[in-house]
């Protein structure tokens, strides 16, 4: 642990740590690219259960396509709401949020999560 001005500074988990522990679910790169996303994409575990884990083969691609549409229509920013993403169950759910931020090596990454995941 490093010593900060107010005492020891705890290390934050990396994105890789969060994926390994199951807090984040990594989207396979070929699937993200097929949807038009050129950056690494991960869902929070709760968002994955709600949006990504559908039985239908095209569910994940449909959600990622909705993310691409939302990005194209949104003003520049780090966070946006994806209002037309289909849920895995087909039932209404919390809105999906998309956050663009630096990854472990400061590369751009996209995380999809629910408002209650913050």
N, C-alpha and C. Protein backbone atom coordinates (compact mmCIF):
# COMPACT_ATOMS: atom_id res chain seq x y z
N UNK A 1 0.83 -1.19 0.00
CA UNK A 1 0.00 0.00 0.00
C UNK A 1 0.87 1.25 0.00
N UNK A 2 0.47 2.22 -0.76
CA UNK A 2 1.16 3.50 -0.78
C UNK A 2 0.68 4.34 0.39
N UNK A 3 1.57 5.23 0.82
CA UNK A 3 1.20 6.18 1.86
C UNK A 3 0.73 7.47 1.21
N UNK A 4 -0.49 7.87 1.46
CA UNK A 4 -1.02 9.12 0.95
C UNK A 4 -0.97 10.18 2.03
N UNK A 5 -1.47 11.35 1.70
CA UNK A 5 -1.47 12.46 2.64
C UNK A 5 -2.30 12.12 3.89
N UNK A 6 -3.33 11.28 3.73
CA UNK A 6 -4.22 10.94 4.84
C UNK A 6 -4.04 9.52 5.33
N UNK A 7 -2.90 8.90 5.00
CA UNK A 7 -2.64 7.53 5.44
C UNK A 7 -2.55 6.59 4.26
N UNK A 8 -2.61 5.28 4.53
CA UNK A 8 -2.46 4.29 3.47
C UNK A 8 -3.53 4.42 2.39
N UNK A 9 -3.12 4.24 1.15
CA UNK A 9 -4.03 4.30 0.01
C UNK A 9 -4.28 2.88 -0.48
N UNK A 10 -5.52 2.46 -0.47
CA UNK A 10 -5.87 1.10 -0.92
C UNK A 10 -5.86 1.05 -2.44
N UNK A 11 -5.41 -0.05 -2.98
CA UNK A 11 -5.40 -0.23 -4.43
C UNK A 11 -6.82 -0.50 -4.92
N UNK A 12 -7.15 0.05 -6.07
CA UNK A 12 -8.44 -0.21 -6.70
C UNK A 12 -8.31 -1.44 -7.58
N UNK A 13 -9.37 -2.23 -7.68
CA UNK A 13 -9.29 -3.38 -8.59
C UNK A 13 -9.22 -2.92 -10.04
N UNK A 14 -8.50 -3.64 -10.86
CA UNK A 14 -8.43 -3.32 -12.27
C UNK A 14 -9.66 -3.88 -12.98
N UNK A 15 -9.87 -3.44 -14.20
CA UNK A 15 -10.96 -3.99 -15.01
C UNK A 15 -10.77 -5.49 -15.18
N UNK A 16 -9.53 -5.91 -15.42
CA UNK A 16 -9.24 -7.34 -15.57
C UNK A 16 -9.60 -8.10 -14.29
N UNK A 17 -9.31 -7.51 -13.12
CA UNK A 17 -9.68 -8.13 -11.84
C UNK A 17 -11.21 -8.28 -11.74
N UNK A 18 -11.93 -7.23 -12.14
CA UNK A 18 -13.40 -7.26 -12.05
C UNK A 18 -13.99 -8.28 -13.01
N UNK A 19 -13.40 -8.46 -14.17
CA UNK A 19 -13.86 -9.48 -15.11
C UNK A 19 -13.56 -10.87 -14.55
N UNK A 20 -12.36 -11.05 -14.03
CA UNK A 20 -11.97 -12.35 -13.47
C UNK A 20 -12.85 -12.75 -12.29
N UNK A 21 -13.26 -11.77 -11.47
CA UNK A 21 -14.07 -12.07 -10.30
C UNK A 21 -15.57 -12.18 -10.61
N UNK A 22 -15.98 -11.84 -11.85
CA UNK A 22 -17.38 -11.95 -12.22
C UNK A 22 -18.20 -10.71 -11.95
N UNK A 23 -17.58 -9.64 -11.47
CA UNK A 23 -18.29 -8.38 -11.26
C UNK A 23 -18.66 -7.78 -12.61
N UNK A 24 -17.75 -7.93 -13.59
CA UNK A 24 -18.01 -7.53 -14.97
C UNK A 24 -17.99 -8.76 -15.86
N UNK A 25 -18.84 -8.76 -16.89
CA UNK A 25 -18.89 -9.84 -17.87
C UNK A 25 -18.35 -9.29 -19.18
N UNK A 26 -17.26 -9.87 -19.66
CA UNK A 26 -16.61 -9.40 -20.88
C UNK A 26 -17.39 -9.86 -22.11
N UNK A 27 -17.57 -8.94 -23.04
CA UNK A 27 -18.21 -9.28 -24.32
C UNK A 27 -17.10 -9.72 -25.27
N UNK A 28 -17.24 -10.88 -25.91
CA UNK A 28 -16.20 -11.31 -26.85
C UNK A 28 -15.97 -10.25 -27.93
N UNK A 29 -14.71 -9.99 -28.21
CA UNK A 29 -14.34 -8.95 -29.19
C UNK A 29 -15.03 -9.14 -30.53
N UNK A 30 -15.10 -10.36 -31.10
CA UNK A 30 -15.78 -10.49 -32.39
C UNK A 30 -17.26 -10.08 -32.35
N UNK A 31 -17.92 -10.32 -31.23
CA UNK A 31 -19.34 -9.93 -31.09
C UNK A 31 -19.45 -8.41 -31.02
N UNK A 32 -18.58 -7.79 -30.23
CA UNK A 32 -18.59 -6.32 -30.14
C UNK A 32 -18.31 -5.70 -31.51
N UNK A 33 -17.34 -6.26 -32.22
CA UNK A 33 -17.01 -5.73 -33.56
C UNK A 33 -18.16 -5.93 -34.53
N UNK A 34 -18.85 -7.07 -34.44
CA UNK A 34 -19.99 -7.33 -35.33
C UNK A 34 -21.09 -6.29 -35.13
N UNK A 35 -21.21 -5.78 -33.91
CA UNK A 35 -22.23 -4.76 -33.62
C UNK A 35 -21.75 -3.36 -33.99
N UNK A 36 -20.48 -3.22 -34.33
CA UNK A 36 -19.95 -1.91 -34.70
C UNK A 36 -19.19 -1.20 -33.59
N UNK A 37 -18.84 -1.94 -32.54
CA UNK A 37 -18.09 -1.36 -31.42
C UNK A 37 -16.62 -1.74 -31.55
N UNK A 38 -15.76 -0.75 -31.59
CA UNK A 38 -14.33 -0.99 -31.81
C UNK A 38 -13.53 -1.02 -30.51
N UNK A 39 -14.19 -0.88 -29.38
CA UNK A 39 -13.50 -0.86 -28.09
C UNK A 39 -13.94 -2.07 -27.26
N UNK A 40 -13.14 -2.47 -26.27
CA UNK A 40 -13.57 -3.55 -25.37
C UNK A 40 -14.86 -3.17 -24.65
N UNK A 41 -15.76 -4.15 -24.52
CA UNK A 41 -17.07 -3.93 -23.90
C UNK A 41 -17.28 -4.96 -22.80
N UNK A 42 -17.83 -4.50 -21.68
CA UNK A 42 -18.20 -5.40 -20.59
C UNK A 42 -19.52 -4.92 -19.99
N UNK A 43 -20.29 -5.88 -19.48
CA UNK A 43 -21.53 -5.60 -18.74
C UNK A 43 -21.25 -5.76 -17.25
N UNK A 44 -21.95 -5.00 -16.42
CA UNK A 44 -21.97 -5.34 -14.99
C UNK A 44 -22.73 -6.67 -14.90
N UNK A 45 -22.50 -7.42 -13.85
CA UNK A 45 -23.17 -8.72 -13.71
C UNK A 45 -24.68 -8.56 -13.71
N UNK A 46 -25.19 -7.52 -13.05
CA UNK A 46 -26.65 -7.30 -13.01
C UNK A 46 -27.19 -6.91 -14.38
N UNK A 47 -26.46 -6.05 -15.10
CA UNK A 47 -26.90 -5.66 -16.44
C UNK A 47 -26.86 -6.86 -17.37
N UNK A 48 -25.87 -7.74 -17.19
CA UNK A 48 -25.78 -8.94 -18.02
C UNK A 48 -27.01 -9.82 -17.81
N UNK A 49 -27.42 -10.01 -16.55
CA UNK A 49 -28.61 -10.82 -16.28
C UNK A 49 -29.85 -10.22 -16.91
N UNK A 50 -29.93 -8.90 -16.92
CA UNK A 50 -31.11 -8.22 -17.44
C UNK A 50 -31.11 -8.10 -18.96
N UNK A 51 -29.95 -7.82 -19.53
CA UNK A 51 -29.90 -7.50 -20.96
C UNK A 51 -29.11 -8.48 -21.82
N UNK A 52 -28.04 -9.05 -21.32
CA UNK A 52 -27.15 -9.81 -22.18
C UNK A 52 -27.32 -11.31 -22.18
N UNK A 53 -27.96 -11.84 -21.17
CA UNK A 53 -27.97 -13.29 -20.99
C UNK A 53 -29.20 -13.96 -21.57
N UNK A 54 -29.71 -13.47 -22.65
CA UNK A 54 -30.91 -14.06 -23.24
C UNK A 54 -30.65 -15.41 -23.87
N UNK A 55 -31.66 -16.22 -23.92
CA UNK A 55 -31.57 -17.54 -24.56
C UNK A 55 -31.46 -17.41 -26.08
N UNK A 56 -32.06 -16.35 -26.61
CA UNK A 56 -32.05 -16.15 -28.05
C UNK A 56 -30.65 -15.75 -28.50
N UNK A 57 -30.17 -16.37 -29.56
CA UNK A 57 -28.81 -16.14 -30.04
C UNK A 57 -28.54 -14.68 -30.38
N UNK A 58 -29.51 -13.98 -30.91
CA UNK A 58 -29.30 -12.60 -31.32
C UNK A 58 -29.49 -11.57 -30.22
N UNK A 59 -29.81 -11.99 -29.00
CA UNK A 59 -30.08 -11.04 -27.92
C UNK A 59 -28.91 -10.10 -27.67
N UNK A 60 -27.72 -10.63 -27.52
CA UNK A 60 -26.56 -9.80 -27.23
C UNK A 60 -26.29 -8.82 -28.37
N UNK A 61 -26.38 -9.30 -29.59
CA UNK A 61 -26.16 -8.43 -30.74
C UNK A 61 -27.22 -7.33 -30.81
N UNK A 62 -28.47 -7.65 -30.46
CA UNK A 62 -29.54 -6.64 -30.46
C UNK A 62 -29.27 -5.56 -29.41
N UNK A 63 -28.79 -5.95 -28.25
CA UNK A 63 -28.48 -4.97 -27.20
C UNK A 63 -27.31 -4.10 -27.63
N UNK A 64 -26.27 -4.73 -28.16
CA UNK A 64 -25.10 -3.95 -28.59
C UNK A 64 -25.44 -3.03 -29.74
N UNK A 65 -26.33 -3.44 -30.62
CA UNK A 65 -26.77 -2.58 -31.71
C UNK A 65 -27.53 -1.36 -31.18
N UNK A 66 -28.32 -1.56 -30.12
CA UNK A 66 -29.02 -0.45 -29.48
C UNK A 66 -28.01 0.51 -28.85
N UNK A 67 -26.94 -0.03 -28.30
CA UNK A 67 -25.88 0.81 -27.73
C UNK A 67 -25.24 1.65 -28.82
N UNK A 68 -24.94 1.03 -29.96
CA UNK A 68 -24.34 1.76 -31.08
C UNK A 68 -25.26 2.89 -31.55
N UNK A 69 -26.56 2.62 -31.64
CA UNK A 69 -27.51 3.67 -32.04
C UNK A 69 -27.52 4.80 -31.02
N UNK A 70 -27.51 4.48 -29.74
CA UNK A 70 -27.53 5.50 -28.70
C UNK A 70 -26.27 6.35 -28.75
N UNK A 71 -25.13 5.72 -28.99
CA UNK A 71 -23.87 6.46 -29.08
C UNK A 71 -23.92 7.42 -30.27
N UNK A 72 -24.45 6.95 -31.38
CA UNK A 72 -24.51 7.78 -32.60
C UNK A 72 -25.42 8.99 -32.42
N UNK A 73 -26.44 8.87 -31.58
CA UNK A 73 -27.42 9.94 -31.40
C UNK A 73 -27.11 10.86 -30.23
N UNK A 74 -26.19 10.45 -29.37
CA UNK A 74 -25.93 11.21 -28.13
C UNK A 74 -24.89 12.29 -28.35
N UNK A 75 -25.01 13.37 -27.59
CA UNK A 75 -23.93 14.36 -27.61
C UNK A 75 -22.68 13.73 -26.99
N UNK A 76 -21.53 14.31 -27.29
CA UNK A 76 -20.30 13.76 -26.73
C UNK A 76 -20.36 13.79 -25.22
N UNK A 77 -19.93 12.72 -24.62
CA UNK A 77 -19.89 12.62 -23.17
C UNK A 77 -19.41 11.24 -22.79
N UNK A 78 -19.23 11.04 -21.52
CA UNK A 78 -18.72 9.76 -21.04
C UNK A 78 -19.82 8.79 -20.68
N UNK A 79 -21.05 9.26 -20.50
CA UNK A 79 -22.14 8.41 -20.05
C UNK A 79 -23.39 8.70 -20.86
N UNK A 80 -24.14 7.65 -21.17
CA UNK A 80 -25.41 7.84 -21.86
C UNK A 80 -26.38 6.74 -21.49
N UNK A 81 -27.65 6.98 -21.73
CA UNK A 81 -28.70 6.00 -21.45
C UNK A 81 -29.10 5.36 -22.77
N UNK A 82 -29.21 4.04 -22.76
CA UNK A 82 -29.62 3.28 -23.94
C UNK A 82 -31.09 2.94 -23.73
N UNK A 83 -31.97 3.70 -24.38
CA UNK A 83 -33.40 3.59 -24.06
C UNK A 83 -34.11 2.46 -24.80
N UNK A 84 -33.57 1.97 -25.91
CA UNK A 84 -34.31 0.96 -26.66
C UNK A 84 -33.65 -0.42 -26.67
N UNK A 85 -32.82 -0.72 -25.68
CA UNK A 85 -32.19 -2.03 -25.61
C UNK A 85 -33.21 -3.07 -25.14
N UNK A 86 -33.35 -4.18 -25.86
CA UNK A 86 -34.30 -5.21 -25.45
C UNK A 86 -33.76 -6.00 -24.25
N UNK A 87 -34.62 -6.29 -23.28
CA UNK A 87 -34.20 -7.11 -22.14
C UNK A 87 -34.24 -8.58 -22.53
N UNK A 88 -33.49 -9.39 -21.80
CA UNK A 88 -33.45 -10.82 -22.09
C UNK A 88 -34.81 -11.47 -21.87
N UNK A 89 -35.58 -10.95 -20.90
CA UNK A 89 -36.89 -11.52 -20.59
C UNK A 89 -38.01 -10.93 -21.42
N UNK A 90 -37.73 -9.79 -22.07
CA UNK A 90 -38.76 -9.08 -22.80
C UNK A 90 -39.60 -8.18 -21.91
N UNK A 91 -39.33 -8.19 -20.61
CA UNK A 91 -40.06 -7.37 -19.65
C UNK A 91 -39.35 -6.04 -19.44
N UNK A 92 -40.08 -5.00 -19.05
CA UNK A 92 -39.43 -3.72 -18.76
C UNK A 92 -38.43 -3.87 -17.61
N UNK A 93 -37.39 -3.08 -17.64
CA UNK A 93 -36.36 -3.15 -16.60
C UNK A 93 -35.72 -1.78 -16.44
N UNK A 94 -34.78 -1.68 -15.50
CA UNK A 94 -34.01 -0.45 -15.36
C UNK A 94 -33.33 -0.14 -16.68
N UNK A 95 -33.16 1.14 -16.96
CA UNK A 95 -32.50 1.53 -18.20
C UNK A 95 -31.04 1.13 -18.18
N UNK A 96 -30.56 0.75 -19.33
CA UNK A 96 -29.16 0.40 -19.50
C UNK A 96 -28.35 1.68 -19.69
N UNK A 97 -27.27 1.80 -18.96
CA UNK A 97 -26.37 2.94 -19.10
C UNK A 97 -25.08 2.46 -19.75
N UNK A 98 -24.50 3.30 -20.59
CA UNK A 98 -23.23 3.01 -21.25
C UNK A 98 -22.22 4.05 -20.80
N UNK A 99 -21.09 3.60 -20.30
CA UNK A 99 -20.04 4.50 -19.81
C UNK A 99 -18.75 4.24 -20.57
N UNK A 100 -18.22 5.26 -21.21
CA UNK A 100 -16.92 5.18 -21.87
C UNK A 100 -15.90 5.75 -20.91
N UNK A 101 -14.84 5.01 -20.66
CA UNK A 101 -13.83 5.48 -19.72
C UNK A 101 -12.50 4.79 -20.00
N UNK A 102 -11.42 5.22 -19.36
CA UNK A 102 -10.12 4.58 -19.59
C UNK A 102 -10.08 3.19 -18.96
N UNK A 103 -9.48 2.26 -19.68
CA UNK A 103 -9.28 0.91 -19.17
C UNK A 103 -7.99 0.82 -18.36
N UNK A 104 -7.55 -0.40 -18.10
CA UNK A 104 -6.37 -0.63 -17.27
C UNK A 104 -5.12 0.01 -17.85
N UNK A 105 -5.01 0.03 -19.17
CA UNK A 105 -3.84 0.63 -19.84
C UNK A 105 -4.19 2.00 -20.44
N UNK A 106 -5.23 2.61 -19.90
CA UNK A 106 -5.73 3.92 -20.33
C UNK A 106 -6.33 3.92 -21.73
N UNK A 107 -6.60 2.74 -22.29
CA UNK A 107 -7.28 2.63 -23.58
C UNK A 107 -8.78 2.86 -23.36
N UNK A 108 -9.50 3.32 -24.38
CA UNK A 108 -10.94 3.51 -24.19
C UNK A 108 -11.65 2.16 -24.07
N UNK A 109 -12.54 2.05 -23.10
CA UNK A 109 -13.36 0.86 -22.90
C UNK A 109 -14.79 1.30 -22.63
N UNK A 110 -15.73 0.39 -22.86
CA UNK A 110 -17.15 0.68 -22.67
C UNK A 110 -17.70 -0.29 -21.64
N UNK A 111 -18.37 0.25 -20.63
CA UNK A 111 -19.01 -0.59 -19.62
C UNK A 111 -20.51 -0.31 -19.65
N UNK A 112 -21.29 -1.38 -19.70
CA UNK A 112 -22.75 -1.30 -19.71
C UNK A 112 -23.25 -1.72 -18.34
N UNK A 113 -24.05 -0.85 -17.71
CA UNK A 113 -24.48 -1.12 -16.36
C UNK A 113 -25.85 -0.52 -16.08
N UNK A 114 -26.41 -0.88 -14.95
CA UNK A 114 -27.71 -0.36 -14.52
C UNK A 114 -27.48 0.82 -13.58
N UNK A 115 -28.46 1.71 -13.44
CA UNK A 115 -28.28 2.87 -12.54
C UNK A 115 -27.95 2.45 -11.11
N UNK A 116 -28.47 1.33 -10.68
CA UNK A 116 -28.22 0.88 -9.29
C UNK A 116 -26.85 0.23 -9.13
N UNK A 117 -26.09 0.10 -10.22
CA UNK A 117 -24.73 -0.43 -10.14
C UNK A 117 -23.71 0.62 -9.73
N UNK A 118 -24.10 1.91 -9.78
CA UNK A 118 -23.14 2.97 -9.48
C UNK A 118 -22.75 2.96 -8.03
